[in-house]
PDB file of N, CA and C in Angstrom:
ATOM      1  N   MET A   1     190.288 -51.464  24.013  1.00  0.00           N
ATOM      2  CA  MET A   1     189.063 -50.825  23.634  1.00  0.00           C
ATOM      3  C   MET A   1     187.981 -51.135  24.672  1.00  0.00           C
ATOM      4  N   ARG A   2     187.198 -50.109  25.009  1.00  0.00           N
ATOM      5  CA  ARG A   2     186.143 -50.265  26.005  1.00  0.00           C
ATOM      6  C   ARG A   2     184.967 -51.048  25.422  1.00  0.00           C
ATOM      7  N   LYS A   3     184.457 -51.983  26.199  1.00  0.00           N
ATOM      8  CA  LYS A   3     183.318 -52.768  25.767  1.00  0.00           C
ATOM      9  C   LYS A   3     182.053 -51.934  25.813  1.00  0.00           C
ATOM     10  N   VAL A   4     181.172 -52.189  24.878  1.00  0.00           N
ATOM     11  CA  VAL A   4     179.878 -51.518  24.828  1.00  0.00           C
ATOM     12  C   VAL A   4     178.857 -52.436  25.483  1.00  0.00           C
ATOM     13  N   SER A   5     178.003 -51.839  26.313  1.00  0.00           N
ATOM     14  CA  SER A   5     176.985 -52.644  26.980  1.00  0.00           C
ATOM     15  C   SER A   5     176.004 -53.202  25.954  1.00  0.00           C
ATOM     16  N   LYS A   6     175.283 -54.225  26.331  1.00  0.00           N
ATOM     17  CA  LYS A   6     174.300 -54.837  25.445  1.00  0.00           C
ATOM     18  C   LYS A   6     173.239 -53.809  25.045  1.00  0.00           C
ATOM     19  N   LYS A   7     172.790 -53.028  26.001  1.00  0.00           N
ATOM     20  CA  LYS A   7     171.784 -51.990  25.743  1.00  0.00           C
ATOM     21  C   LYS A   7     172.316 -50.959  24.750  1.00  0.00           C
ATOM     22  N   GLN A   8     173.551 -50.505  24.962  1.00  0.00           N
ATOM     23  CA  GLN A   8     174.146 -49.523  24.050  1.00  0.00           C
ATOM     24  C   GLN A   8     174.347 -50.114  22.663  1.00  0.00           C
ATOM     25  N   ALA A   9     174.705 -51.372  22.587  1.00  0.00           N
ATOM     26  CA  ALA A   9     174.867 -52.043  21.295  1.00  0.00           C
ATOM     27  C   ALA A   9     173.540 -52.070  20.540  1.00  0.00           C
ATOM     28  N   GLU A  10     172.440 -52.312  21.259  1.00  0.00           N
ATOM     29  CA  GLU A  10     171.113 -52.304  20.641  1.00  0.00           C
ATOM     30  C   GLU A  10     170.770 -50.905  20.120  1.00  0.00           C
ATOM     31  N   ILE A  11     171.052 -49.886  20.931  1.00  0.00           N
ATOM     32  CA  ILE A  11     170.799 -48.497  20.526  1.00  0.00           C
ATOM     33  C   ILE A  11     171.623 -48.162  19.289  1.00  0.00           C
ATOM     34  N   ASN A  12     172.892 -48.546  19.292  1.00  0.00           N
ATOM     35  CA  ASN A  12     173.775 -48.273  18.157  1.00  0.00           C
ATOM     36  C   ASN A  12     173.270 -48.934  16.872  1.00  0.00           C
ATOM     37  N   MET A  13     172.740 -50.148  16.993  1.00  0.00           N
ATOM     38  CA  MET A  13     172.234 -50.859  15.821  1.00  0.00           C
ATOM     39  C   MET A  13     171.002 -50.141  15.255  1.00  0.00           C
ATOM     40  N   ILE A  14     170.103 -49.717  16.120  1.00  0.00           N
ATOM     41  CA  ILE A  14     168.920 -48.986  15.672  1.00  0.00           C
ATOM     42  C   ILE A  14     169.333 -47.652  15.057  1.00  0.00           C
ATOM     43  N   TYR A  15     170.267 -46.954  15.711  1.00  0.00           N
ATOM     44  CA  TYR A  15     170.708 -45.651  15.227  1.00  0.00           C
ATOM     45  C   TYR A  15     171.395 -45.757  13.861  1.00  0.00           C
ATOM     46  N   SER A  16     172.103 -46.847  13.623  1.00  0.00           N
ATOM     47  CA  SER A  16     172.795 -47.014  12.341  1.00  0.00           C
ATOM     48  C   SER A  16     171.804 -47.084  11.180  1.00  0.00           C
ATOM     49  N   LYS A  17     170.566 -47.466  11.448  1.00  0.00           N
ATOM     50  CA  LYS A  17     169.518 -47.479  10.428  1.00  0.00           C
ATOM     51  C   LYS A  17     168.745 -46.157  10.435  1.00  0.00           C
ATOM     52  N   LEU A  18     168.527 -45.614  11.617  1.00  0.00           N
ATOM     53  CA  LEU A  18     167.774 -44.371  11.760  1.00  0.00           C
ATOM     54  C   LEU A  18     168.490 -43.197  11.106  1.00  0.00           C
ATOM     55  N   GLY A  19     169.799 -43.117  11.267  1.00  0.00           N
ATOM     56  CA  GLY A  19     170.573 -41.995  10.752  1.00  0.00           C
ATOM     57  C   GLY A  19     170.403 -41.763   9.259  1.00  0.00           C
ATOM     58  N   PRO A  20     170.681 -42.763   8.428  1.00  0.00           N
ATOM     59  CA  PRO A  20     170.513 -42.570   6.984  1.00  0.00           C
ATOM     60  C   PRO A  20     169.069 -42.253   6.587  1.00  0.00           C
ATOM     61  N   GLU A  21     168.110 -42.874   7.261  1.00  0.00           N
ATOM     62  CA  GLU A  21     166.701 -42.583   6.976  1.00  0.00           C
ATOM     63  C   GLU A  21     166.367 -41.133   7.321  1.00  0.00           C
ATOM     64  N   PHE A  22     166.882 -40.667   8.455  1.00  0.00           N
ATOM     65  CA  PHE A  22     166.629 -39.286   8.881  1.00  0.00           C
ATOM     66  C   PHE A  22     167.212 -38.307   7.857  1.00  0.00           C
ATOM     67  N   LEU A  23     168.432 -38.542   7.412  1.00  0.00           N
ATOM     68  CA  LEU A  23     169.052 -37.655   6.436  1.00  0.00           C
ATOM     69  C   LEU A  23     168.327 -37.709   5.093  1.00  0.00           C
ATOM     70  N   HIS A  24     167.792 -38.858   4.747  1.00  0.00           N
ATOM     71  CA  HIS A  24     167.035 -38.969   3.503  1.00  0.00           C
ATOM     72  C   HIS A  24     165.765 -38.120   3.573  1.00  0.00           C
ATOM     73  N   LEU A  25     165.105 -38.133   4.717  1.00  0.00           N
ATOM     74  CA  LEU A  25     163.869 -37.357   4.894  1.00  0.00           C
ATOM     75  C   LEU A  25     164.136 -35.868   5.110  1.00  0.00           C
ATOM     76  N   HIS A  26     165.323 -35.534   5.609  1.00  0.00           N
ATOM     77  CA  HIS A  26     165.713 -34.146   5.881  1.00  0.00           C
ATOM     78  C   HIS A  26     166.951 -33.846   5.043  1.00  0.00           C
ATOM     79  N   ASP A  27     166.733 -33.703   3.751  1.00  0.00           N
ATOM     80  CA  ASP A  27     167.861 -33.642   2.827  1.00  0.00           C
ATOM     81  C   ASP A  27     168.467 -32.255   2.640  1.00  0.00           C
ATOM     82  N   VAL A  28     167.891 -31.228   3.296  1.00  0.00           N
ATOM     83  CA  VAL A  28     168.423 -29.877   3.229  1.00  0.00           C
ATOM     84  C   VAL A  28     168.863 -29.445   4.624  1.00  0.00           C
ATOM     85  N   CYS A  29     170.012 -28.801   4.699  1.00  0.00           N
ATOM     86  CA  CYS A  29     170.551 -28.316   5.972  1.00  0.00           C
ATOM     87  C   CYS A  29     169.509 -27.457   6.689  1.00  0.00           C
ATOM     88  N   GLU A  30     169.328 -27.697   7.975  1.00  0.00           N
ATOM     89  CA  GLU A  30     168.337 -26.974   8.770  1.00  0.00           C
ATOM     90  C   GLU A  30     168.897 -25.720   9.438  1.00  0.00           C
ATOM     91  N   PHE A  31     170.132 -25.363   9.125  1.00  0.00           N
ATOM     92  CA  PHE A  31     170.719 -24.138   9.655  1.00  0.00           C
ATOM     93  C   PHE A  31     169.997 -22.956   9.009  1.00  0.00           C
ATOM     94  N   PRO A  32     169.661 -21.937   9.807  1.00  0.00           N
ATOM     95  CA  PRO A  32     168.917 -20.803   9.261  1.00  0.00           C
ATOM     96  C   PRO A  32     169.583 -20.202   8.017  1.00  0.00           C
ATOM     97  N   GLY A  33     168.812 -20.145   6.918  1.00  0.00           N
ATOM     98  CA  GLY A  33     169.288 -19.534   5.688  1.00  0.00           C
ATOM     99  C   GLY A  33     170.129 -20.415   4.785  1.00  0.00           C
ATOM    100  N   CYS A  34     170.393 -21.642   5.187  1.00  0.00           N
ATOM    101  CA  CYS A  34     171.234 -22.541   4.380  1.00  0.00           C
ATOM    102  C   CYS A  34     170.347 -23.462   3.540  1.00  0.00           C
ATOM    103  N   ASN A  35     170.725 -23.654   2.309  1.00  0.00           N
ATOM    104  CA  ASN A  35     170.003 -24.564   1.416  1.00  0.00           C
ATOM    105  C   ASN A  35     170.901 -25.688   0.909  1.00  0.00           C
ATOM    106  N   ALA A  36     172.035 -25.872   1.552  1.00  0.00           N
ATOM    107  CA  ALA A  36     172.969 -26.931   1.152  1.00  0.00           C
ATOM    108  C   ALA A  36     172.386 -28.298   1.517  1.00  0.00           C
ATOM    109  N   PRO A  37     172.828 -29.332   0.842  1.00  0.00           N
ATOM    110  CA  PRO A  37     172.386 -30.681   1.218  1.00  0.00           C
ATOM    111  C   PRO A  37     172.840 -31.024   2.638  1.00  0.00           C
ATOM    112  N   SER A  38     171.979 -31.688   3.378  1.00  0.00           N
ATOM    113  CA  SER A  38     172.373 -32.121   4.719  1.00  0.00           C
ATOM    114  C   SER A  38     173.320 -33.307   4.585  1.00  0.00           C
ATOM    115  N   GLU A  39     174.303 -33.359   5.494  1.00  0.00           N
ATOM    116  CA  GLU A  39     175.312 -34.418   5.448  1.00  0.00           C
ATOM    117  C   GLU A  39     175.482 -35.113   6.790  1.00  0.00           C
ATOM    118  N   GLN A  40     175.130 -34.410   7.871  1.00  0.00           N
ATOM    119  CA  GLN A  40     175.409 -34.924   9.206  1.00  0.00           C
ATOM    120  C   GLN A  40     174.207 -34.687  10.119  1.00  0.00           C
ATOM    121  N   ILE A  41     174.123 -35.509  11.133  1.00  0.00           N
ATOM    122  CA  ILE A  41     173.057 -35.373  12.117  1.00  0.00           C
ATOM    123  C   ILE A  41     173.629 -34.730  13.367  1.00  0.00           C
ATOM    124  N   HIS A  42     172.979 -33.672  13.782  1.00  0.00           N
ATOM    125  CA  HIS A  42     173.347 -32.990  15.025  1.00  0.00           C
ATOM    126  C   HIS A  42     172.325 -33.374  16.088  1.00  0.00           C
ATOM    127  N   HIS A  43     172.796 -33.672  17.286  1.00  0.00           N
ATOM    128  CA  HIS A  43     171.928 -33.995  18.407  1.00  0.00           C
ATOM    129  C   HIS A  43     171.737 -32.740  19.252  1.00  0.00           C
ATOM    130  N   LYS A  44     170.526 -32.213  19.273  1.00  0.00           N
ATOM    131  CA  LYS A  44     170.240 -31.006  20.045  1.00  0.00           C
ATOM    132  C   LYS A  44     170.352 -31.285  21.541  1.00  0.00           C
ATOM    133  N   LEU A  45     170.010 -32.491  21.935  1.00  0.00           N
ATOM    134  CA  LEU A  45     170.102 -32.910  23.327  1.00  0.00           C
ATOM    135  C   LEU A  45     171.261 -33.879  23.465  1.00  0.00           C
ATOM    136  N   LYS A  46     171.754 -34.031  24.698  1.00  0.00           N
ATOM    137  CA  LYS A  46     172.848 -34.978  24.932  1.00  0.00           C
ATOM    138  C   LYS A  46     172.467 -36.349  24.433  1.00  0.00           C
ATOM    139  N   ARG A  47     173.441 -37.017  23.840  1.00  0.00           N
ATOM    140  CA  ARG A  47     173.197 -38.376  23.387  1.00  0.00           C
ATOM    141  C   ARG A  47     172.967 -39.266  24.595  1.00  0.00           C
ATOM    142  N   GLY A  48     172.881 -40.527  24.392  1.00  0.00           N
ATOM    143  CA  GLY A  48     172.556 -41.444  25.481  1.00  0.00           C
ATOM    144  C   GLY A  48     171.076 -41.742  25.393  1.00  0.00           C
ATOM    145  N   ILE A  49     170.330 -41.291  26.367  1.00  0.00           N
ATOM    146  CA  ILE A  49     168.889 -41.540  26.386  1.00  0.00           C
ATOM    147  C   ILE A  49     168.181 -40.868  25.208  1.00  0.00           C
ATOM    148  N   ASN A  50     168.758 -39.796  24.678  1.00  0.00           N
ATOM    149  CA  ASN A  50     168.140 -39.056  23.573  1.00  0.00           C
ATOM    150  C   ASN A  50     168.621 -39.477  22.194  1.00  0.00           C
ATOM    151  N   THR A  51     169.499 -40.446  22.115  1.00  0.00           N
ATOM    152  CA  THR A  51     170.089 -40.844  20.835  1.00  0.00           C
ATOM    153  C   THR A  51     169.034 -41.195  19.796  1.00  0.00           C
ATOM    154  N   LEU A  52     167.969 -41.859  20.207  1.00  0.00           N
ATOM    155  CA  LEU A  52     166.937 -42.300  19.270  1.00  0.00           C
ATOM    156  C   LEU A  52     165.728 -41.365  19.233  1.00  0.00           C
ATOM    157  N   ASN A  53     165.791 -40.256  19.938  1.00  0.00           N
ATOM    158  CA  ASN A  53     164.702 -39.273  19.962  1.00  0.00           C
ATOM    159  C   ASN A  53     164.784 -38.413  18.703  1.00  0.00           C
ATOM    160  N   VAL A  54     163.965 -38.717  17.719  1.00  0.00           N
ATOM    161  CA  VAL A  54     164.023 -38.026  16.435  1.00  0.00           C
ATOM    162  C   VAL A  54     163.763 -36.535  16.592  1.00  0.00           C
ATOM    163  N   GLU A  55     162.966 -36.142  17.570  1.00  0.00           N
ATOM    164  CA  GLU A  55     162.676 -34.724  17.795  1.00  0.00           C
ATOM    165  C   GLU A  55     163.903 -33.948  18.245  1.00  0.00           C
ATOM    166  N   SER A  56     164.918 -34.640  18.728  1.00  0.00           N
ATOM    167  CA  SER A  56     166.134 -33.954  19.176  1.00  0.00           C
ATOM    168  C   SER A  56     167.230 -33.959  18.109  1.00  0.00           C
ATOM    169  N   LEU A  57     166.905 -34.445  16.910  1.00  0.00           N
ATOM    170  CA  LEU A  57     167.882 -34.508  15.836  1.00  0.00           C
ATOM    171  C   LEU A  57     167.699 -33.334  14.880  1.00  0.00           C
ATOM    172  N   CYS A  58     168.779 -32.967  14.238  1.00  0.00           N
ATOM    173  CA  CYS A  58     168.777 -31.860  13.283  1.00  0.00           C
ATOM    174  C   CYS A  58     169.740 -32.215  12.157  1.00  0.00           C
ATOM    175  N   ALA A  59     169.293 -32.082  10.925  1.00  0.00           N
ATOM    176  CA  ALA A  59     170.134 -32.382   9.770  1.00  0.00           C
ATOM    177  C   ALA A  59     170.892 -31.122   9.355  1.00  0.00           C
ATOM    178  N   LEU A  60     172.213 -31.222   9.283  1.00  0.00           N
ATOM    179  CA  LEU A  60     173.041 -30.075   8.944  1.00  0.00           C
ATOM    180  C   LEU A  60     174.079 -30.446   7.890  1.00  0.00           C
ATOM    181  N   CYS A  61     174.541 -29.442   7.145  1.00  0.00           N
ATOM    182  CA  CYS A  61     175.702 -29.654   6.280  1.00  0.00           C
ATOM    183  C   CYS A  61     176.931 -29.700   7.198  1.00  0.00           C
ATOM    184  N   ALA A  62     178.035 -30.181   6.706  1.00  0.00           N
ATOM    185  CA  ALA A  62     179.241 -30.330   7.532  1.00  0.00           C
ATOM    186  C   ALA A  62     179.721 -28.988   8.082  1.00  0.00           C
ATOM    187  N   GLU A  63     179.679 -27.952   7.253  1.00  0.00           N
ATOM    188  CA  GLU A  63     180.148 -26.632   7.682  1.00  0.00           C
ATOM    189  C   GLU A  63     179.324 -26.099   8.859  1.00  0.00           C
ATOM    190  N   HIS A  64     178.014 -26.224   8.776  1.00  0.00           N
ATOM    191  CA  HIS A  64     177.173 -25.695   9.845  1.00  0.00           C
ATOM    192  C   HIS A  64     177.167 -26.595  11.083  1.00  0.00           C
ATOM    193  N   HIS A  65     177.392 -27.884  10.895  1.00  0.00           N
ATOM    194  CA  HIS A  65     177.514 -28.750  12.067  1.00  0.00           C
ATOM    195  C   HIS A  65     178.750 -28.353  12.873  1.00  0.00           C
ATOM    196  N   ALA A  66     179.842 -28.099  12.189  1.00  0.00           N
ATOM    197  CA  ALA A  66     181.071 -27.655  12.868  1.00  0.00           C
ATOM    198  C   ALA A  66     180.831 -26.311  13.560  1.00  0.00           C
ATOM    199  N   PHE A  67     180.115 -25.411  12.892  1.00  0.00           N
ATOM    200  CA  PHE A  67     179.816 -24.107  13.482  1.00  0.00           C
ATOM    201  C   PHE A  67     178.992 -24.262  14.760  1.00  0.00           C
ATOM    202  N   VAL A  68     177.939 -25.060  14.698  1.00  0.00           N
ATOM    203  CA  VAL A  68     177.070 -25.265  15.866  1.00  0.00           C
ATOM    204  C   VAL A  68     177.870 -25.849  17.025  1.00  0.00           C
ATOM    205  N   GLU A  69     178.710 -26.826  16.747  1.00  0.00           N
ATOM    206  CA  GLU A  69     179.497 -27.461  17.807  1.00  0.00           C
ATOM    207  C   GLU A  69     180.523 -26.508  18.422  1.00  0.00           C
ATOM    208  N   SER A  70     180.998 -25.545  17.663  1.00  0.00           N
ATOM    209  CA  SER A  70     182.009 -24.625  18.191  1.00  0.00           C
ATOM    210  C   SER A  70     181.411 -23.307  18.703  1.00  0.00           C
ATOM    211  N   HIS A  71     180.114 -23.112  18.534  1.00  0.00           N
ATOM    212  CA  HIS A  71     179.421 -21.905  19.007  1.00  0.00           C
ATOM    213  C   HIS A  71     178.173 -22.320  19.784  1.00  0.00           C
ATOM    214  N   LYS A  72     178.401 -22.993  20.905  1.00  0.00           N
ATOM    215  CA  LYS A  72     177.303 -23.591  21.663  1.00  0.00           C
ATOM    216  C   LYS A  72     176.301 -22.559  22.194  1.00  0.00           C
ATOM    217  N   ASN A  73     176.769 -21.405  22.638  1.00  0.00           N
ATOM    218  CA  ASN A  73     175.833 -20.380  23.115  1.00  0.00           C
ATOM    219  C   ASN A  73     174.919 -19.914  21.989  1.00  0.00           C
ATOM    220  N   TRP A  74     175.491 -19.660  20.814  1.00  0.00           N
ATOM    221  CA  TRP A  74     174.684 -19.266  19.665  1.00  0.00           C
ATOM    222  C   TRP A  74     173.682 -20.365  19.339  1.00  0.00           C
ATOM    223  N   ALA A  75     174.122 -21.613  19.355  1.00  0.00           N
ATOM    224  CA  ALA A  75     173.261 -22.752  19.036  1.00  0.00           C
ATOM    225  C   ALA A  75     172.103 -22.834  20.018  1.00  0.00           C
ATOM    226  N   ARG A  76     172.358 -22.615  21.306  1.00  0.00           N
ATOM    227  CA  ARG A  76     171.281 -22.638  22.300  1.00  0.00           C
ATOM    228  C   ARG A  76     170.286 -21.514  22.037  1.00  0.00           C
ATOM    229  N   GLU A  77     170.788 -20.324  21.763  1.00  0.00           N
ATOM    230  CA  GLU A  77     169.929 -19.168  21.517  1.00  0.00           C
ATOM    231  C   GLU A  77     169.067 -19.354  20.270  1.00  0.00           C
ATOM    232  N   ASN A  78     169.520 -20.176  19.342  1.00  0.00           N
ATOM    233  CA  ASN A  78     168.813 -20.372  18.081  1.00  0.00           C
ATOM    234  C   ASN A  78     168.127 -21.739  17.955  1.00  0.00           C
ATOM    235  N   GLY A  79     167.965 -22.426  19.075  1.00  0.00           N
ATOM    236  CA  GLY A  79     167.221 -23.667  19.117  1.00  0.00           C
ATOM    237  C   GLY A  79     167.900 -24.878  18.522  1.00  0.00           C
ATOM    238  N   LEU A  80     169.214 -24.799  18.322  1.00  0.00           N
ATOM    239  CA  LEU A  80     169.936 -25.940  17.766  1.00  0.00           C
ATOM    240  C   LEU A  80     170.665 -26.756  18.828  1.00  0.00           C
ATOM    241  N   MET A  81     170.492 -26.370  20.067  1.00  0.00           N
ATOM    242  CA  MET A  81     171.106 -27.099  21.176  1.00  0.00           C
ATOM    243  C   MET A  81     170.326 -26.752  22.436  1.00  0.00           C
ATOM    244  N   ASP A  82     170.188 -27.723  23.307  1.00  0.00           N
ATOM    245  CA  ASP A  82     169.466 -27.497  24.549  1.00  0.00           C
ATOM    246  C   ASP A  82     170.409 -27.467  25.712  1.00  0.00           C
TER     247      ASP A  82
END
């Protein structure tokens, strides 16, 4: 298993708390027209430096998260991916 850097470990620890809080505050899927409960966090920007950037996060239900990930051009056109 690949070792995680100290910096990445710190980011992961913060994110493990940020994620549930974000979903609690954004409890409805943000996909256009969907009112399902949000279940997953989608990163509009590449992770890494943007992992903790709340403005780049989007709360989605599992179905729409899978859709966004498999339809990247559509997601870009609709502001769900940069």
